[in-house]
Amino acid sequence: MALADLKSALPDYAKDLKLNLGSVIGNSELPQQQLWGTVLSCAIASRSAIVLRALEPEARENLKPEAYTAAKSAAAVMAMNNVFYRTRHLLSDPEYGTLRAGLRMNVIGNPGVEKADFELWSLAVSALNGCGMCLDSHEQVLRKAGVDRETVQEAFKIASVIQAVATTLDAEAALEG
């Protein structure tokens, strides 16, 4: 299943999602690596086999092998970090914020692609997973690197649409089964 198939699989009541999916991917002004790395990392983070199977082949075609791996790495490390840092933030005891994390995150320091691209993918996954601390951290790194707000917003627009498509298609699949 490709992007066109994914759009056609959406039910009539999700017409806005169909239009938005075509827009955020098909009309994006992001460079190919930023776009498809964001798409792949968010498809993984959506936890939807339907969405991942549909978007992964196009992501693989549009990404160099090191970028493909880095996008998957962003989804993996942020799955851990988003839970850890969101929990620290949500707990009312501020002392947890002073404790050493003790978690390996080496890929963030050496992702194998431009640091700004990896940060953008990490931000998009953090948006999807709802971690405010991670969103702020990655947004600040991106802004210091000269990435404009429109680019940052483009990443979380992609995340929001992919998550909505995943939720809708997974719900429809559950209702059919």
N, C-alpha and C. Protein backbone atom coordinates (compact mmCIF):
# COMPACT_ATOMS: atom_id res chain seq x y z
N MET A 1 0.86 -1.18 0.00
CA MET A 1 0.00 0.00 0.00
C MET A 1 0.89 1.23 0.00
N ALA A 2 0.66 2.15 -0.87
CA ALA A 2 1.41 3.39 -0.95
C ALA A 2 0.57 4.55 -0.42
N LEU A 3 1.12 5.76 -0.53
CA LEU A 3 0.41 6.93 -0.04
C LEU A 3 -0.97 7.06 -0.66
N ALA A 4 -1.07 6.84 -1.96
CA ALA A 4 -2.37 6.94 -2.65
C ALA A 4 -3.35 5.90 -2.11
N ASP A 5 -2.86 4.70 -1.87
CA ASP A 5 -3.71 3.64 -1.32
C ASP A 5 -4.16 3.97 0.10
N LEU A 6 -3.24 4.56 0.87
CA LEU A 6 -3.57 4.94 2.24
C LEU A 6 -4.68 5.99 2.24
N LYS A 7 -4.56 6.96 1.35
CA LYS A 7 -5.60 7.99 1.24
C LYS A 7 -6.94 7.38 0.83
N SER A 8 -6.91 6.47 -0.12
CA SER A 8 -8.17 5.87 -0.58
C SER A 8 -8.77 4.93 0.46
N ALA A 9 -7.98 4.45 1.39
CA ALA A 9 -8.48 3.57 2.44
C ALA A 9 -9.25 4.34 3.52
N LEU A 10 -9.06 5.64 3.56
CA LEU A 10 -9.75 6.43 4.58
C LEU A 10 -11.25 6.52 4.26
N PRO A 11 -12.08 6.37 5.28
CA PRO A 11 -13.53 6.44 5.07
C PRO A 11 -13.98 7.86 4.72
N ASP A 12 -15.18 7.95 4.18
CA ASP A 12 -15.72 9.25 3.75
C ASP A 12 -15.76 10.27 4.89
N TYR A 13 -16.04 9.81 6.10
CA TYR A 13 -16.13 10.76 7.21
C TYR A 13 -14.78 11.38 7.56
N ALA A 14 -13.70 10.84 7.03
CA ALA A 14 -12.35 11.36 7.29
C ALA A 14 -11.78 12.07 6.06
N LYS A 15 -12.65 12.71 5.30
CA LYS A 15 -12.22 13.40 4.08
C LYS A 15 -11.14 14.44 4.38
N ASP A 16 -11.27 15.15 5.50
CA ASP A 16 -10.26 16.15 5.86
C ASP A 16 -8.89 15.50 6.04
N LEU A 17 -8.87 14.32 6.62
CA LEU A 17 -7.59 13.62 6.80
C LEU A 17 -6.98 13.24 5.46
N LYS A 18 -7.83 12.80 4.55
CA LYS A 18 -7.37 12.44 3.20
C LYS A 18 -6.71 13.64 2.53
N LEU A 19 -7.38 14.78 2.61
CA LEU A 19 -6.84 16.01 2.02
C LEU A 19 -5.56 16.45 2.72
N ASN A 20 -5.57 16.38 4.04
CA ASN A 20 -4.39 16.79 4.81
C ASN A 20 -3.20 15.87 4.58
N LEU A 21 -3.46 14.58 4.45
CA LEU A 21 -2.37 13.63 4.21
C LEU A 21 -1.69 13.95 2.87
N GLY A 22 -2.50 14.19 1.86
CA GLY A 22 -1.94 14.56 0.56
C GLY A 22 -1.19 15.87 0.62
N SER A 23 -1.68 16.79 1.42
CA SER A 23 -1.06 18.11 1.52
C SER A 23 0.25 18.08 2.29
N VAL A 24 0.25 17.48 3.48
CA VAL A 24 1.46 17.54 4.31
C VAL A 24 2.60 16.70 3.75
N ILE A 25 2.28 15.68 2.97
CA ILE A 25 3.34 14.87 2.35
C ILE A 25 3.56 15.30 0.91
N GLY A 26 2.50 15.39 0.15
CA GLY A 26 2.63 15.68 -1.28
C GLY A 26 3.00 17.10 -1.61
N ASN A 27 2.65 18.05 -0.75
CA ASN A 27 2.93 19.46 -1.03
C ASN A 27 3.92 20.08 -0.05
N SER A 28 4.62 19.26 0.68
CA SER A 28 5.56 19.78 1.68
C SER A 28 6.72 20.50 1.01
N GLU A 29 7.16 21.56 1.65
CA GLU A 29 8.33 22.29 1.17
C GLU A 29 9.60 21.82 1.87
N LEU A 30 9.48 20.83 2.74
CA LEU A 30 10.67 20.30 3.40
C LEU A 30 11.55 19.58 2.37
N PRO A 31 12.86 19.62 2.57
CA PRO A 31 13.73 18.79 1.72
C PRO A 31 13.35 17.32 1.89
N GLN A 32 13.59 16.51 0.87
CA GLN A 32 13.19 15.10 0.86
C GLN A 32 13.62 14.35 2.12
N GLN A 33 14.87 14.55 2.55
CA GLN A 33 15.34 13.82 3.73
C GLN A 33 14.56 14.22 4.97
N GLN A 34 14.33 15.50 5.17
CA GLN A 34 13.56 15.94 6.34
C GLN A 34 12.14 15.42 6.26
N LEU A 35 11.53 15.53 5.10
CA LEU A 35 10.15 15.08 4.91
C LEU A 35 10.01 13.59 5.19
N TRP A 36 10.75 12.77 4.47
CA TRP A 36 10.55 11.33 4.57
C TRP A 36 11.09 10.75 5.87
N GLY A 37 12.08 11.40 6.48
CA GLY A 37 12.50 10.99 7.82
C GLY A 37 11.42 11.27 8.85
N THR A 38 10.75 12.41 8.70
CA THR A 38 9.63 12.74 9.59
C THR A 38 8.49 11.76 9.37
N VAL A 39 8.16 11.48 8.13
CA VAL A 39 7.08 10.53 7.82
C VAL A 39 7.38 9.16 8.41
N LEU A 40 8.58 8.66 8.18
CA LEU A 40 8.92 7.31 8.67
C LEU A 40 8.94 7.25 10.19
N SER A 41 9.58 8.22 10.84
CA SER A 41 9.64 8.17 12.30
C SER A 41 8.25 8.29 12.91
N CYS A 42 7.39 9.10 12.32
CA CYS A 42 6.02 9.25 12.83
C CYS A 42 5.16 8.02 12.52
N ALA A 43 5.37 7.41 11.37
CA ALA A 43 4.63 6.18 11.05
C ALA A 43 4.97 5.10 12.06
N ILE A 44 6.24 4.99 12.43
CA ILE A 44 6.65 4.02 13.46
C ILE A 44 6.01 4.39 14.79
N ALA A 45 6.12 5.67 15.17
CA ALA A 45 5.60 6.11 16.46
C ALA A 45 4.08 6.00 16.56
N SER A 46 3.39 5.99 15.42
CA SER A 46 1.93 5.88 15.45
C SER A 46 1.46 4.51 15.91
N ARG A 47 2.36 3.54 15.87
CA ARG A 47 2.08 2.15 16.28
C ARG A 47 1.04 1.47 15.39
N SER A 48 0.84 2.01 14.20
CA SER A 48 -0.15 1.43 13.29
C SER A 48 0.55 0.63 12.20
N ALA A 49 0.32 -0.67 12.18
CA ALA A 49 0.90 -1.51 11.14
C ALA A 49 0.40 -1.09 9.76
N ILE A 50 -0.85 -0.67 9.69
CA ILE A 50 -1.44 -0.24 8.42
C ILE A 50 -0.68 0.96 7.86
N VAL A 51 -0.47 1.95 8.69
CA VAL A 51 0.20 3.18 8.26
C VAL A 51 1.68 2.91 7.97
N LEU A 52 2.33 2.17 8.83
CA LEU A 52 3.75 1.88 8.62
C LEU A 52 3.97 1.10 7.33
N ARG A 53 3.17 0.08 7.10
CA ARG A 53 3.32 -0.71 5.86
C ARG A 53 3.04 0.12 4.61
N ALA A 54 2.18 1.10 4.73
CA ALA A 54 1.86 1.94 3.57
C ALA A 54 2.96 2.96 3.28
N LEU A 55 3.52 3.55 4.32
CA LEU A 55 4.45 4.65 4.12
C LEU A 55 5.92 4.25 4.08
N GLU A 56 6.27 3.12 4.67
CA GLU A 56 7.67 2.71 4.74
C GLU A 56 8.32 2.52 3.38
N PRO A 57 7.66 1.87 2.40
CA PRO A 57 8.34 1.70 1.10
C PRO A 57 8.71 3.02 0.43
N GLU A 58 7.84 4.02 0.50
CA GLU A 58 8.15 5.31 -0.09
C GLU A 58 9.24 6.02 0.70
N ALA A 59 9.22 5.86 2.01
CA ALA A 59 10.29 6.45 2.83
C ALA A 59 11.63 5.80 2.46
N ARG A 60 11.65 4.50 2.32
CA ARG A 60 12.89 3.79 1.97
C ARG A 60 13.40 4.27 0.61
N GLU A 61 12.49 4.47 -0.34
CA GLU A 61 12.88 4.96 -1.68
C GLU A 61 13.44 6.37 -1.64
N ASN A 62 12.95 7.20 -0.74
CA ASN A 62 13.32 8.60 -0.71
C ASN A 62 14.42 8.95 0.28
N LEU A 63 14.89 7.98 1.02
CA LEU A 63 15.94 8.22 2.00
C LEU A 63 17.18 7.41 1.68
N LYS A 64 18.34 7.99 1.90
CA LYS A 64 19.58 7.23 1.83
C LYS A 64 19.57 6.25 3.00
N PRO A 65 20.29 5.14 2.90
CA PRO A 65 20.26 4.14 3.97
C PRO A 65 20.56 4.70 5.36
N GLU A 66 21.53 5.62 5.47
CA GLU A 66 21.86 6.16 6.79
C GLU A 66 20.72 7.03 7.34
N ALA A 67 20.01 7.73 6.47
CA ALA A 67 18.87 8.54 6.91
C ALA A 67 17.70 7.64 7.30
N TYR A 68 17.49 6.57 6.54
CA TYR A 68 16.43 5.61 6.85
C TYR A 68 16.67 5.03 8.26
N THR A 69 17.89 4.62 8.53
CA THR A 69 18.24 4.07 9.84
C THR A 69 18.10 5.12 10.93
N ALA A 70 18.55 6.34 10.65
CA ALA A 70 18.47 7.42 11.64
C ALA A 70 17.02 7.76 11.99
N ALA A 71 16.13 7.75 11.00
CA ALA A 71 14.71 8.03 11.27
C ALA A 71 14.12 6.94 12.16
N LYS A 72 14.49 5.70 11.91
CA LYS A 72 14.03 4.61 12.78
C LYS A 72 14.63 4.75 14.17
N SER A 73 15.88 5.19 14.23
CA SER A 73 16.53 5.41 15.53
C SER A 73 15.85 6.52 16.32
N ALA A 74 15.43 7.58 15.62
CA ALA A 74 14.72 8.68 16.29
C ALA A 74 13.43 8.16 16.92
N ALA A 75 12.69 7.35 16.18
CA ALA A 75 11.45 6.79 16.72
C ALA A 75 11.73 5.90 17.93
N ALA A 76 12.80 5.13 17.84
CA ALA A 76 13.14 4.20 18.93
C ALA A 76 13.56 4.94 20.20
N VAL A 77 14.51 5.84 20.08
CA VAL A 77 15.01 6.51 21.28
C VAL A 77 13.96 7.44 21.87
N MET A 78 13.13 8.05 21.02
CA MET A 78 12.11 8.94 21.55
C MET A 78 10.96 8.16 22.19
N ALA A 79 10.75 6.93 21.79
CA ALA A 79 9.74 6.10 22.48
C ALA A 79 10.13 5.95 23.95
N MET A 80 11.41 5.81 24.20
CA MET A 80 11.91 5.71 25.57
C MET A 80 11.90 7.08 26.24
N ASN A 81 12.53 8.06 25.60
CA ASN A 81 12.69 9.38 26.21
C ASN A 81 11.36 10.07 26.48
N ASN A 82 10.41 9.92 25.58
CA ASN A 82 9.12 10.58 25.78
C ASN A 82 8.42 10.06 27.02
N VAL A 83 8.50 8.78 27.29
CA VAL A 83 7.89 8.24 28.51
C VAL A 83 8.67 8.72 29.73
N PHE A 84 9.98 8.60 29.68
CA PHE A 84 10.81 8.96 30.82
C PHE A 84 10.65 10.44 31.18
N TYR A 85 10.87 11.33 30.22
CA TYR A 85 10.84 12.76 30.53
C TYR A 85 9.43 13.30 30.74
N ARG A 86 8.44 12.73 30.08
CA ARG A 86 7.06 13.14 30.34
C ARG A 86 6.68 12.77 31.77
N THR A 87 7.09 11.59 32.22
CA THR A 87 6.79 11.16 33.59
C THR A 87 7.48 12.05 34.60
N ARG A 88 8.76 12.37 34.38
CA ARG A 88 9.47 13.28 35.27
C ARG A 88 8.73 14.62 35.37
N HIS A 89 8.26 15.10 34.25
CA HIS A 89 7.57 16.39 34.20
C HIS A 89 6.21 16.33 34.91
N LEU A 90 5.54 15.21 34.78
CA LEU A 90 4.19 15.09 35.34
C LEU A 90 4.18 14.82 36.85
N LEU A 91 5.26 14.21 37.34
CA LEU A 91 5.31 13.97 38.79
C LEU A 91 5.42 15.30 39.53
N SER A 92 4.71 15.41 40.64
CA SER A 92 4.72 16.68 41.37
C SER A 92 6.00 16.87 42.19
N ASP A 93 6.76 15.82 42.41
CA ASP A 93 8.01 15.91 43.18
C ASP A 93 9.15 16.35 42.26
N PRO A 94 9.64 17.58 42.40
CA PRO A 94 10.69 18.09 41.52
C PRO A 94 12.04 17.40 41.71
N GLU A 95 12.20 16.66 42.77
CA GLU A 95 13.47 15.96 43.03
C GLU A 95 13.80 14.94 41.93
N TYR A 96 12.78 14.39 41.27
CA TYR A 96 13.06 13.44 40.19
C TYR A 96 13.86 14.09 39.07
N GLY A 97 13.64 15.38 38.88
CA GLY A 97 14.37 16.11 37.84
C GLY A 97 15.85 16.29 38.16
N THR A 98 16.24 16.05 39.41
CA THR A 98 17.65 16.19 39.79
C THR A 98 18.40 14.86 39.72
N LEU A 99 17.67 13.77 39.57
CA LEU A 99 18.30 12.45 39.53
C LEU A 99 18.90 12.18 38.15
N ARG A 100 19.97 11.44 38.13
CA ARG A 100 20.61 11.05 36.87
C ARG A 100 19.69 10.11 36.11
N ALA A 101 19.51 10.35 34.81
CA ALA A 101 18.63 9.50 34.01
C ALA A 101 19.19 8.09 33.90
N GLY A 102 20.46 7.96 33.62
CA GLY A 102 21.07 6.62 33.53
C GLY A 102 20.58 5.80 32.34
N LEU A 103 20.09 6.46 31.31
CA LEU A 103 19.61 5.77 30.11
C LEU A 103 20.53 6.10 28.94
N ARG A 104 20.84 5.10 28.14
CA ARG A 104 21.68 5.30 26.96
C ARG A 104 20.88 6.03 25.88
N MET A 105 21.51 7.08 25.35
CA MET A 105 20.91 7.88 24.28
C MET A 105 22.00 8.32 23.31
N ASN A 106 22.96 7.47 23.06
CA ASN A 106 24.12 7.82 22.24
C ASN A 106 23.74 8.27 20.83
N VAL A 107 22.67 7.73 20.30
CA VAL A 107 22.27 8.06 18.93
C VAL A 107 21.95 9.55 18.76
N ILE A 108 21.52 10.19 19.82
CA ILE A 108 21.21 11.62 19.73
C ILE A 108 22.48 12.42 19.44
N GLY A 109 23.58 12.02 20.02
CA GLY A 109 24.85 12.70 19.79
C GLY A 109 25.51 12.36 18.47
N ASN A 110 25.20 11.18 17.94
CA ASN A 110 25.81 10.73 16.69
C ASN A 110 24.78 9.97 15.86
N PRO A 111 23.82 10.69 15.26
CA PRO A 111 22.72 10.01 14.56
C PRO A 111 23.05 9.49 13.17
N GLY A 112 24.19 9.91 12.60
CA GLY A 112 24.54 9.46 11.26
C GLY A 112 23.99 10.33 10.14
N VAL A 113 23.27 11.39 10.51
CA VAL A 113 22.73 12.37 9.55
C VAL A 113 22.93 13.75 10.16
N GLU A 114 22.56 14.77 9.40
CA GLU A 114 22.61 16.14 9.93
C GLU A 114 21.86 16.19 11.27
N LYS A 115 22.49 16.81 12.25
CA LYS A 115 21.88 16.89 13.59
C LYS A 115 20.49 17.54 13.54
N ALA A 116 20.33 18.57 12.72
CA ALA A 116 19.03 19.25 12.65
C ALA A 116 17.95 18.33 12.12
N ASP A 117 18.27 17.46 11.16
CA ASP A 117 17.27 16.52 10.64
C ASP A 117 16.82 15.57 11.74
N PHE A 118 17.79 15.02 12.48
CA PHE A 118 17.46 14.08 13.56
C PHE A 118 16.64 14.78 14.64
N GLU A 119 17.00 16.01 14.96
CA GLU A 119 16.24 16.78 15.96
C GLU A 119 14.81 17.03 15.49
N LEU A 120 14.65 17.30 14.19
CA LEU A 120 13.31 17.52 13.64
C LEU A 120 12.47 16.26 13.77
N TRP A 121 13.05 15.12 13.46
CA TRP A 121 12.33 13.85 13.58
C TRP A 121 12.01 13.55 15.03
N SER A 122 12.94 13.85 15.93
CA SER A 122 12.70 13.64 17.36
C SER A 122 11.59 14.54 17.87
N LEU A 123 11.55 15.77 17.39
CA LEU A 123 10.48 16.69 17.76
C LEU A 123 9.13 16.16 17.29
N ALA A 124 9.07 15.68 16.05
CA ALA A 124 7.81 15.18 15.49
C ALA A 124 7.30 13.99 16.30
N VAL A 125 8.19 13.07 16.64
CA VAL A 125 7.80 11.91 17.44
C VAL A 125 7.36 12.36 18.83
N SER A 126 8.05 13.35 19.39
CA SER A 126 7.67 13.86 20.71
C SER A 126 6.30 14.52 20.68
N ALA A 127 5.97 15.17 19.57
CA ALA A 127 4.63 15.75 19.42
C ALA A 127 3.59 14.63 19.42
N LEU A 128 3.87 13.60 18.67
CA LEU A 128 2.95 12.47 18.58
C LEU A 128 2.77 11.79 19.95
N ASN A 129 3.86 11.70 20.71
CA ASN A 129 3.82 11.04 22.02
C ASN A 129 3.46 11.99 23.16
N GLY A 130 3.34 13.27 22.89
CA GLY A 130 2.87 14.23 23.89
C GLY A 130 3.84 14.53 25.01
N CYS A 131 5.13 14.63 24.72
CA CYS A 131 6.10 14.95 25.76
C CYS A 131 6.52 16.41 25.64
N GLY A 132 6.00 17.26 26.51
CA GLY A 132 6.29 18.68 26.48
C GLY A 132 7.75 19.01 26.73
N MET A 133 8.39 18.31 27.65
CA MET A 133 9.81 18.56 27.92
C MET A 133 10.65 18.27 26.69
N CYS A 134 10.37 17.16 26.02
CA CYS A 134 11.13 16.80 24.82
C CYS A 134 10.84 17.77 23.69
N LEU A 135 9.59 18.18 23.55
CA LEU A 135 9.24 19.16 22.52
C LEU A 135 10.03 20.45 22.71
N ASP A 136 10.04 20.96 23.93
CA ASP A 136 10.78 22.19 24.21
C ASP A 136 12.27 22.02 23.94
N SER A 137 12.82 20.91 24.39
CA SER A 137 14.25 20.66 24.21
C SER A 137 14.63 20.61 22.73
N HIS A 138 13.91 19.83 21.94
CA HIS A 138 14.25 19.68 20.52
C HIS A 138 13.96 20.97 19.74
N GLU A 139 12.90 21.68 20.11
CA GLU A 139 12.58 22.93 19.43
C GLU A 139 13.69 23.96 19.68
N GLN A 140 14.20 24.01 20.90
CA GLN A 140 15.27 24.96 21.21
C GLN A 140 16.55 24.64 20.43
N VAL A 141 16.88 23.36 20.32
CA VAL A 141 18.07 22.95 19.55
C VAL A 141 17.88 23.33 18.08
N LEU A 142 16.69 23.08 17.55
CA LEU A 142 16.42 23.41 16.16
C LEU A 142 16.50 24.92 15.91
N ARG A 143 15.91 25.70 16.79
CA ARG A 143 15.93 27.16 16.62
C ARG A 143 17.36 27.70 16.72
N LYS A 144 18.16 27.15 17.65
CA LYS A 144 19.56 27.58 17.76
C LYS A 144 20.35 27.20 16.51
N ALA A 145 19.94 26.15 15.83
CA ALA A 145 20.60 25.72 14.59
C ALA A 145 20.11 26.52 13.39
N GLY A 146 19.21 27.47 13.60
CA GLY A 146 18.73 28.31 12.52
C GLY A 146 17.51 27.79 11.78
N VAL A 147 16.89 26.74 12.31
CA VAL A 147 15.68 26.20 11.69
C VAL A 147 14.51 27.11 12.03
N ASP A 148 13.75 27.51 11.01
CA ASP A 148 12.66 28.45 11.24
C ASP A 148 11.42 27.76 11.82
N ARG A 149 10.54 28.56 12.36
CA ARG A 149 9.32 28.05 13.00
C ARG A 149 8.42 27.31 11.99
N GLU A 150 8.40 27.76 10.76
CA GLU A 150 7.57 27.11 9.74
C GLU A 150 8.02 25.67 9.52
N THR A 151 9.32 25.43 9.54
CA THR A 151 9.85 24.06 9.38
C THR A 151 9.48 23.21 10.59
N VAL A 152 9.64 23.78 11.77
CA VAL A 152 9.28 23.06 13.00
C VAL A 152 7.79 22.71 12.96
N GLN A 153 6.96 23.69 12.60
CA GLN A 153 5.52 23.43 12.54
C GLN A 153 5.18 22.39 11.49
N GLU A 154 5.88 22.40 10.37
CA GLU A 154 5.64 21.41 9.32
C GLU A 154 5.83 20.00 9.87
N ALA A 155 6.85 19.82 10.71
CA ALA A 155 7.10 18.50 11.29
C ALA A 155 5.96 18.05 12.19
N PHE A 156 5.46 18.95 13.04
CA PHE A 156 4.37 18.48 13.91
C PHE A 156 3.03 18.45 13.21
N LYS A 157 2.90 19.14 12.07
CA LYS A 157 1.71 18.95 11.23
C LYS A 157 1.71 17.54 10.65
N ILE A 158 2.86 17.11 10.16
CA ILE A 158 2.98 15.75 9.63
C ILE A 158 2.65 14.73 10.72
N ALA A 159 3.20 14.95 11.90
CA ALA A 159 2.94 14.03 13.02
C ALA A 159 1.45 13.96 13.34
N SER A 160 0.79 15.11 13.37
CA SER A 160 -0.63 15.12 13.73
C SER A 160 -1.48 14.41 12.69
N VAL A 161 -1.18 14.60 11.43
CA VAL A 161 -1.97 13.96 10.38
C VAL A 161 -1.71 12.45 10.36
N ILE A 162 -0.46 12.05 10.48
CA ILE A 162 -0.16 10.61 10.49
C ILE A 162 -0.84 9.94 11.67
N GLN A 163 -0.82 10.58 12.83
CA GLN A 163 -1.48 9.99 14.01
C GLN A 163 -2.99 9.89 13.79
N ALA A 164 -3.60 10.91 13.22
CA ALA A 164 -5.04 10.88 12.97
C ALA A 164 -5.41 9.79 11.96
N VAL A 165 -4.61 9.66 10.91
CA VAL A 165 -4.84 8.61 9.91
C VAL A 165 -4.70 7.23 10.56
N ALA A 166 -3.68 7.06 11.37
CA ALA A 166 -3.46 5.78 12.06
C ALA A 166 -4.64 5.44 12.98
N THR A 167 -5.08 6.40 13.75
CA THR A 167 -6.21 6.17 14.66
C THR A 167 -7.46 5.78 13.89
N THR A 168 -7.72 6.49 12.81
CA THR A 168 -8.93 6.25 12.01
C THR A 168 -8.89 4.88 11.34
N LEU A 169 -7.79 4.57 10.68
CA LEU A 169 -7.69 3.28 9.96
C LEU A 169 -7.65 2.09 10.91
N ASP A 170 -6.98 2.25 12.05
CA ASP A 170 -6.95 1.16 13.02
C ASP A 170 -8.35 0.93 13.63
N ALA A 171 -9.08 2.01 13.87
CA ALA A 171 -10.45 1.89 14.38
C ALA A 171 -11.35 1.18 13.35
N GLU A 172 -11.22 1.58 12.10
CA GLU A 172 -12.01 0.93 11.05
C GLU A 172 -11.67 -0.55 10.93
N ALA A 173 -10.38 -0.89 11.03
CA ALA A 173 -9.96 -2.29 10.96
C ALA A 173 -10.51 -3.08 12.14
N ALA A 174 -10.53 -2.47 13.31
CA ALA A 174 -11.07 -3.14 14.50
C ALA A 174 -12.57 -3.37 14.36
N LEU A 175 -13.28 -2.42 13.79
CA LEU A 175 -14.72 -2.54 13.62
C LEU A 175 -15.09 -3.60 12.58
N GLU A 176 -14.20 -3.77 11.59
CA GLU A 176 -14.44 -4.79 10.55
C GLU A 176 -14.16 -6.19 11.06
N GLY A 177 -13.18 -6.29 11.95
CA GLY A 177 -12.72 -7.61 12.41
C GLY A 177 -13.56 -8.13 13.50
